[in-house]
């Protein structure tokens, strides 16, 4: 990727990873807050680009929203230390801490900054924002969460992620709403167990990395580019497989972690939540299929001057990962032996 050629960017990328480790290995709320601040200050130089006004605007918006969440978090932990000498957690404190963490990760109903910022970032920065930047707030959230509040947030995430993506033409915004929807699944997985959450995050990161890498290699940012570009048929097949996997359709690997979560929810008699999950997944699949169907079916002009940005070895890699995604559910059955 372009970023790996710049030593300053590499330095900030290293600090970004390091700050997450500071937060999740800290034994005090204050240490967690310091890790979050380092994380914020290392991500901003990565997304700022002096040649691009959109990315500069995105970095400023990101800084402001994350600062508000950090101030909220710091205020809550200071109030807890001053007012509660015996360090007991009450309802109000837990909701305040949960809210600041949810705002950090771009969860509904604090999601308004997320699609706007995503629109100004490159695909590589989007990948970091949708995967790595969710780790710290999610783990801090798991230390103390208010169960009823989180269930309400899960339902909001699922619904807003599905409905919000319906009228989008930008692929980046589409991936942002997809991320909000998946955040609902992730929150339900962290309520079940941390191992399941880690598994879901790894699967989600795997799927998102293929999508972001494919779009980066093809230099695509809007849906209509999928129709106009003279794409190789195999690339279209790969996009179909990865979109379906992201939507959670059974033969693909994206279904596997969702299957486990649904299993747990049904075992715990949470039928209404399961129903909402499944219904909203159908909406997600609808707008994924709509994109792919158009890309497959429409007979657009073949542009002779258009040169594919994809190199053969990268193309082979995308093919290989798509094959893993396709055979994923067969591989996943070995886990149940």
Protein backbone atom coordinates (compact mmCIF):
# COMPACT_ATOMS: atom_id res chain seq x y z
CA UNK A 1 0.00 0.00 0.00
CA UNK A 2 1.04 3.62 -0.59
CA UNK A 3 1.29 4.24 3.14
CA UNK A 4 4.05 1.73 3.71
CA UNK A 5 6.48 3.82 1.64
CA UNK A 6 6.37 6.71 4.08
CA UNK A 7 8.44 6.35 7.28
CA UNK A 8 6.38 8.95 9.19
CA UNK A 9 3.17 7.10 8.41
CA UNK A 10 4.79 3.83 9.50
CA UNK A 11 5.78 5.46 12.79
CA UNK A 12 2.23 6.65 13.47
CA UNK A 13 0.84 3.26 12.43
CA UNK A 14 3.11 1.59 14.98
CA UNK A 15 1.96 4.02 17.72
CA UNK A 16 -1.66 3.34 16.71
CA UNK A 17 -1.19 -0.40 17.36
CA UNK A 18 0.84 0.27 20.51
CA UNK A 19 -1.82 2.60 22.00
CA UNK A 20 -4.46 -0.14 21.76
CA UNK A 21 -2.19 -2.45 23.76
CA UNK A 22 -1.73 0.31 26.38
CA UNK A 23 -5.50 0.67 26.76
CA UNK A 24 -6.42 -3.00 26.94
CA UNK A 25 -3.58 -3.92 29.31
CA UNK A 26 -4.13 -0.99 31.68
CA UNK A 27 -5.35 -1.72 35.19
CA UNK A 28 -7.06 1.65 35.73
CA UNK A 29 -9.70 3.68 33.87
CA UNK A 30 -7.24 6.55 33.68
CA UNK A 31 -4.68 4.36 31.89
CA UNK A 32 -7.39 3.31 29.43
CA UNK A 33 -8.15 6.97 28.76
CA UNK A 34 -4.46 7.73 28.09
CA UNK A 35 -4.30 4.84 25.59
CA UNK A 36 -7.40 6.18 23.82
CA UNK A 37 -5.85 9.65 23.55
CA UNK A 38 -2.60 8.30 22.10
CA UNK A 39 -4.69 6.28 19.66
CA UNK A 40 -6.57 9.40 18.55
CA UNK A 41 -3.41 11.50 18.15
CA UNK A 42 -1.68 8.79 16.10
CA UNK A 43 -4.63 8.16 13.77
CA UNK A 44 -5.09 11.82 12.77
CA UNK A 45 -1.68 12.16 10.99
CA UNK A 46 -2.49 8.93 9.11
CA UNK A 47 -5.73 10.28 7.67
CA UNK A 48 -4.62 13.88 7.03
CA UNK A 49 -3.58 14.62 3.46
CA UNK A 50 -2.67 18.21 2.58
CA UNK A 51 -3.53 17.61 -1.09
CA UNK A 52 -7.04 16.42 -0.35
CA UNK A 53 -9.55 18.79 1.29
CA UNK A 54 -11.98 15.95 2.07
CA UNK A 55 -9.45 14.03 4.13
CA UNK A 56 -8.40 17.19 6.02
CA UNK A 57 -12.05 17.87 6.83
CA UNK A 58 -12.51 14.22 7.85
CA UNK A 59 -9.51 14.36 10.21
CA UNK A 60 -10.89 17.52 11.89
CA UNK A 61 -14.36 15.94 12.29
CA UNK A 62 -12.78 12.78 13.65
CA UNK A 63 -10.72 14.78 16.16
CA UNK A 64 -13.75 16.72 17.41
CA UNK A 65 -16.05 13.71 17.85
CA UNK A 66 -13.38 11.57 19.52
CA UNK A 67 -12.45 14.47 21.81
CA UNK A 68 -16.07 14.82 22.94
CA UNK A 69 -16.20 11.07 23.67
CA UNK A 70 -12.87 11.27 25.56
CA UNK A 71 -14.00 14.27 27.63
CA UNK A 72 -17.19 12.41 28.50
CA UNK A 73 -15.19 9.33 29.52
CA UNK A 74 -12.68 11.36 31.58
CA UNK A 75 -15.46 13.32 33.29
CA UNK A 76 -17.23 10.08 34.22
CA UNK A 77 -14.17 8.37 35.69
CA UNK A 78 -13.19 11.52 37.64
CA UNK A 79 -16.75 11.85 38.97
CA UNK A 80 -16.66 8.18 39.96
CA UNK A 81 -13.37 8.69 41.82
CA UNK A 82 -14.53 11.87 43.60
CA UNK A 83 -18.11 10.98 44.45
CA UNK A 84 -17.90 7.25 45.10
CA UNK A 85 -15.20 6.46 47.60
CA UNK A 86 -16.00 2.75 47.61
CA UNK A 87 -15.83 2.62 43.78
CA UNK A 88 -19.23 1.07 43.31
CA UNK A 89 -20.66 1.30 39.81
CA UNK A 90 -24.17 2.63 39.55
CA UNK A 91 -26.63 2.79 36.65
CA UNK A 92 -25.80 6.35 35.59
CA UNK A 93 -22.01 5.86 35.62
CA UNK A 94 -22.25 2.65 33.58
CA UNK A 95 -24.44 4.33 30.91
CA UNK A 96 -22.03 7.30 30.72
CA UNK A 97 -18.98 5.04 30.25
CA UNK A 98 -20.86 2.86 27.74
CA UNK A 99 -22.02 5.91 25.78
CA UNK A 100 -18.53 7.38 25.46
CA UNK A 101 -17.17 4.03 24.25
CA UNK A 102 -20.04 3.63 21.76
CA UNK A 103 -19.33 7.12 20.43
CA UNK A 104 -15.65 6.21 20.06
CA UNK A 105 -16.46 3.21 17.86
CA UNK A 106 -19.14 4.98 15.81
CA UNK A 107 -22.07 2.96 17.07
CA UNK A 108 -25.71 4.04 16.65
CA UNK A 109 -27.18 6.39 17.95
CA UNK A 110 -23.79 8.20 18.07
CA UNK A 111 -23.00 7.16 14.50
CA UNK A 112 -23.62 10.46 12.68
CA UNK A 113 -19.91 11.28 12.31
CA UNK A 114 -19.01 7.86 10.92
CA UNK A 115 -20.37 7.89 7.32
CA UNK A 116 -19.21 11.50 6.83
CA UNK A 117 -15.66 10.77 7.90
CA UNK A 118 -15.47 7.52 5.91
CA UNK A 119 -16.29 9.50 2.75
CA UNK A 120 -13.07 11.49 3.09
CA UNK A 121 -10.65 8.61 3.73
CA UNK A 122 -8.67 6.27 1.50
CA UNK A 123 -9.53 2.56 1.48
CA UNK A 124 -6.57 1.67 3.71
CA UNK A 125 -7.59 4.24 6.36
CA UNK A 126 -11.18 3.01 6.09
CA UNK A 127 -9.99 -0.51 6.80
CA UNK A 128 -8.20 0.67 9.97
CA UNK A 129 -11.21 2.72 11.07
CA UNK A 130 -13.64 -0.18 10.59
CA UNK A 131 -11.51 -2.86 12.26
CA UNK A 132 -8.61 -1.83 14.51
CA UNK A 133 -10.24 1.34 15.87
CA UNK A 134 -13.13 -0.74 17.22
CA UNK A 135 -10.93 -3.00 19.38
CA UNK A 136 -10.11 -0.62 22.27
CA UNK A 137 -13.61 0.81 22.87
CA UNK A 138 -15.14 -2.66 22.56
CA UNK A 139 -12.84 -4.21 25.16
CA UNK A 140 -13.30 -1.25 27.54
CA UNK A 141 -17.05 -1.62 27.05
CA UNK A 142 -16.84 -5.30 28.03
CA UNK A 143 -15.29 -4.40 31.43
CA UNK A 144 -18.55 -2.93 32.60
CA UNK A 145 -21.66 -2.85 30.46
CA UNK A 146 -25.27 -2.18 31.26
CA UNK A 147 -27.06 -5.17 29.75
CA UNK A 148 -30.45 -3.55 28.98
CA UNK A 149 -28.80 -0.45 27.56
CA UNK A 150 -26.51 -2.51 25.31
CA UNK A 151 -29.42 -4.60 24.00
CA UNK A 152 -31.20 -1.37 23.02
CA UNK A 153 -27.99 -0.17 21.30
CA UNK A 154 -27.64 -3.52 19.47
CA UNK A 155 -31.19 -3.18 18.05
CA UNK A 156 -30.48 0.42 16.98
CA UNK A 157 -27.21 -0.60 15.30
CA UNK A 158 -28.81 -3.44 13.38
CA UNK A 159 -31.75 -1.33 12.16
CA UNK A 160 -29.80 1.86 11.31
CA UNK A 161 -27.03 -0.13 9.59
CA UNK A 162 -29.58 -1.89 7.38
CA UNK A 163 -31.89 1.05 6.61
CA UNK A 164 -29.07 3.60 6.19
CA UNK A 165 -27.32 1.62 3.46
CA UNK A 166 -30.40 1.39 1.23
CA UNK A 167 -30.11 4.73 -0.57
CA UNK A 168 -26.30 5.02 -0.77
CA UNK A 169 -24.40 5.36 -4.03
CA UNK A 170 -20.97 5.72 -2.45
CA UNK A 171 -19.19 2.42 -1.77
CA UNK A 172 -17.41 3.94 1.22
CA UNK A 173 -20.67 5.01 2.86
CA UNK A 174 -22.13 1.61 2.03
CA UNK A 175 -19.24 -0.07 3.86
CA UNK A 176 -19.74 2.38 6.76
CA UNK A 177 -23.38 1.36 7.23
CA UNK A 178 -22.37 -2.26 6.81
CA UNK A 179 -19.85 -1.66 9.60
CA UNK A 180 -22.57 -0.14 11.84
CA UNK A 181 -24.74 -3.22 11.21
CA UNK A 182 -21.85 -5.57 12.01
CA UNK A 183 -21.19 -3.58 15.16
CA UNK A 184 -24.58 -4.78 16.42
CA UNK A 185 -23.46 -8.38 15.89
CA UNK A 186 -20.12 -7.63 17.56
CA UNK A 187 -21.78 -6.09 20.62
CA UNK A 188 -24.01 -9.15 21.00
CA UNK A 189 -20.97 -11.42 20.64
CA UNK A 190 -19.04 -9.54 23.37
CA UNK A 191 -22.05 -9.94 25.68
CA UNK A 192 -21.80 -13.70 25.13
CA UNK A 193 -18.02 -14.14 25.44
CA UNK A 194 -14.77 -12.37 24.63
CA UNK A 195 -13.49 -15.32 22.59
CA UNK A 196 -16.55 -15.25 20.36
CA UNK A 197 -16.09 -11.50 19.90
CA UNK A 198 -12.45 -12.03 18.92
CA UNK A 199 -13.49 -14.70 16.44
CA UNK A 200 -16.18 -12.43 14.94
CA UNK A 201 -13.74 -9.52 14.70
CA UNK A 202 -11.16 -11.68 12.91
CA UNK A 203 -13.76 -12.95 10.43
CA UNK A 204 -15.12 -9.44 9.86
CA UNK A 205 -11.60 -8.01 9.42
CA UNK A 206 -10.83 -10.76 6.90
CA UNK A 207 -13.94 -9.93 4.84
CA UNK A 208 -13.51 -6.16 5.04
CA UNK A 209 -9.81 -6.43 4.10
CA UNK A 210 -10.69 -8.25 0.85
CA UNK A 211 -13.36 -5.66 0.00
CA UNK A 212 -11.16 -2.64 0.77
CA UNK A 213 -8.18 -4.18 -1.04
CA UNK A 214 -10.27 -5.00 -4.13
CA UNK A 215 -11.76 -1.50 -4.30
CA UNK A 216 -8.33 0.05 -3.72
CA UNK A 217 -6.76 -2.00 -6.52
CA UNK A 218 -9.60 -1.11 -8.90
CA UNK A 219 -9.67 2.52 -7.70
CA UNK A 220 -13.43 2.41 -7.07
CA UNK A 221 -15.42 4.73 -4.83
CA UNK A 222 -18.96 4.74 -6.27
CA UNK A 223 -21.44 2.06 -7.33
CA UNK A 224 -21.67 3.24 -10.95
CA UNK A 225 -17.95 2.55 -11.40
CA UNK A 226 -18.76 -1.14 -10.96
CA UNK A 227 -20.97 -0.99 -14.07
CA UNK A 228 -18.88 1.31 -16.26
CA UNK A 229 -15.51 -0.34 -15.71
CA UNK A 230 -14.53 -3.06 -18.13
CA UNK A 231 -14.07 -5.59 -15.36
CA UNK A 232 -12.83 -9.11 -15.70
CA UNK A 233 -15.71 -11.56 -15.14
CA UNK A 234 -13.69 -13.30 -12.43
CA UNK A 235 -13.42 -10.03 -10.49
CA UNK A 236 -17.21 -9.75 -10.58
CA UNK A 237 -17.51 -13.31 -9.26
CA UNK A 238 -15.07 -12.44 -6.45
CA UNK A 239 -17.08 -9.35 -5.55
CA UNK A 240 -20.24 -11.47 -5.50
CA UNK A 241 -18.63 -14.01 -3.15
CA UNK A 242 -17.27 -11.33 -0.80
CA UNK A 243 -20.47 -9.28 -0.71
CA UNK A 244 -22.51 -12.40 0.04
CA UNK A 245 -20.02 -13.41 2.73
CA UNK A 246 -20.28 -9.95 4.31
CA UNK A 247 -24.07 -10.23 4.23
CA UNK A 248 -23.88 -13.60 6.02
CA UNK A 249 -25.32 -15.96 3.42
CA UNK A 250 -24.95 -19.64 4.44
CA UNK A 251 -22.40 -21.21 2.07
CA UNK A 252 -19.88 -18.42 2.77
CA UNK A 253 -17.62 -17.95 5.76
CA UNK A 254 -19.37 -14.75 6.91
CA UNK A 255 -22.34 -16.86 7.97
CA UNK A 256 -20.34 -18.93 10.45
CA UNK A 257 -19.84 -16.39 13.31
CA UNK A 258 -23.43 -15.12 12.84
CA UNK A 259 -24.67 -18.68 13.09
CA UNK A 260 -22.92 -19.13 16.45
CA UNK A 261 -24.36 -15.82 17.79
CA UNK A 262 -27.91 -16.76 16.68
CA UNK A 263 -27.44 -20.14 18.35
CA UNK A 264 -26.52 -18.49 21.66
CA UNK A 265 -29.38 -15.97 21.46
CA UNK A 266 -31.96 -18.73 20.84
CA UNK A 267 -30.54 -20.81 23.70
CA UNK A 268 -31.00 -17.78 25.99
CA UNK A 269 -34.61 -17.29 24.84
CA UNK A 270 -33.89 -13.96 23.11
CA UNK A 271 -36.23 -14.70 20.22
CA UNK A 272 -37.22 -11.09 19.46
CA UNK A 273 -33.58 -10.00 19.14
CA UNK A 274 -32.86 -12.99 16.87
CA UNK A 275 -35.85 -12.08 14.71
CA UNK A 276 -34.59 -8.48 14.31
CA UNK A 277 -31.08 -9.75 13.47
CA UNK A 278 -32.37 -12.06 10.73
CA UNK A 279 -34.83 -9.54 9.23
CA UNK A 280 -32.19 -6.82 9.02
CA UNK A 281 -29.69 -9.26 7.51
CA UNK A 282 -32.19 -9.74 4.69
CA UNK A 283 -32.19 -5.98 4.02
CA UNK A 284 -28.38 -5.98 4.05
CA UNK A 285 -28.36 -8.83 1.53
CA UNK A 286 -30.91 -6.98 -0.60
CA UNK A 287 -28.68 -3.98 -1.22
CA UNK A 288 -25.56 -6.13 -1.65
CA UNK A 289 -27.35 -8.26 -4.25
CA UNK A 290 -28.70 -5.12 -5.95
CA UNK A 291 -25.15 -3.87 -6.56
CA UNK A 292 -23.86 -7.23 -7.78
CA UNK A 293 -26.93 -7.91 -9.93
CA UNK A 294 -26.48 -4.56 -11.70
CA UNK A 295 -22.77 -5.15 -12.20
CA UNK A 296 -23.46 -8.59 -13.71
CA UNK A 297 -26.52 -7.86 -15.82
CA UNK A 298 -26.05 -4.39 -17.27
CA UNK A 299 -24.37 -4.38 -20.65
CA UNK A 300 -22.31 -1.21 -20.44
CA UNK A 301 -19.84 0.11 -22.99
CA UNK A 302 -16.40 -1.45 -22.89
CA UNK A 303 -13.99 1.43 -22.47
CA UNK A 304 -10.91 0.75 -24.57
CA UNK A 305 -8.81 3.40 -22.84
CA UNK A 306 -9.47 2.02 -19.37
CA UNK A 307 -6.50 0.08 -18.01
CA UNK A 308 -7.07 -2.21 -15.07
CA UNK A 309 -5.00 -1.17 -12.06
CA UNK A 310 -4.86 -4.76 -10.84
CA UNK A 311 -1.55 -6.60 -10.99
CA UNK A 312 -1.63 -10.34 -11.58
CA UNK A 313 -0.14 -11.43 -8.25
CA UNK A 314 -2.62 -9.24 -6.32
CA UNK A 315 -5.44 -10.63 -8.42
CA UNK A 316 -4.35 -14.19 -7.56
CA UNK A 317 -4.32 -13.26 -3.88
CA UNK A 318 -7.89 -11.89 -4.06
CA UNK A 319 -8.92 -15.09 -5.88
CA UNK A 320 -7.34 -17.22 -3.15
CA UNK A 321 -9.06 -15.32 -0.33
CA UNK A 322 -12.39 -15.49 -2.17
CA UNK A 323 -11.92 -19.25 -2.47
CA UNK A 324 -11.39 -19.45 1.33
CA UNK A 325 -14.54 -17.37 1.80
CA UNK A 326 -16.50 -19.66 -0.52
CA UNK A 327 -15.38 -22.93 1.09
CA UNK A 328 -15.51 -21.39 4.57
CA UNK A 329 -18.62 -23.14 5.78
CA UNK A 330 -17.17 -26.54 4.80
CA UNK A 331 -14.01 -25.73 6.76
CA UNK A 332 -16.07 -24.43 9.67
CA UNK A 333 -17.86 -27.77 10.12
CA UNK A 334 -14.58 -29.21 11.40
CA UNK A 335 -14.96 -27.01 14.51
CA UNK A 336 -18.01 -29.00 15.55
CA UNK A 337 -16.42 -32.43 15.37
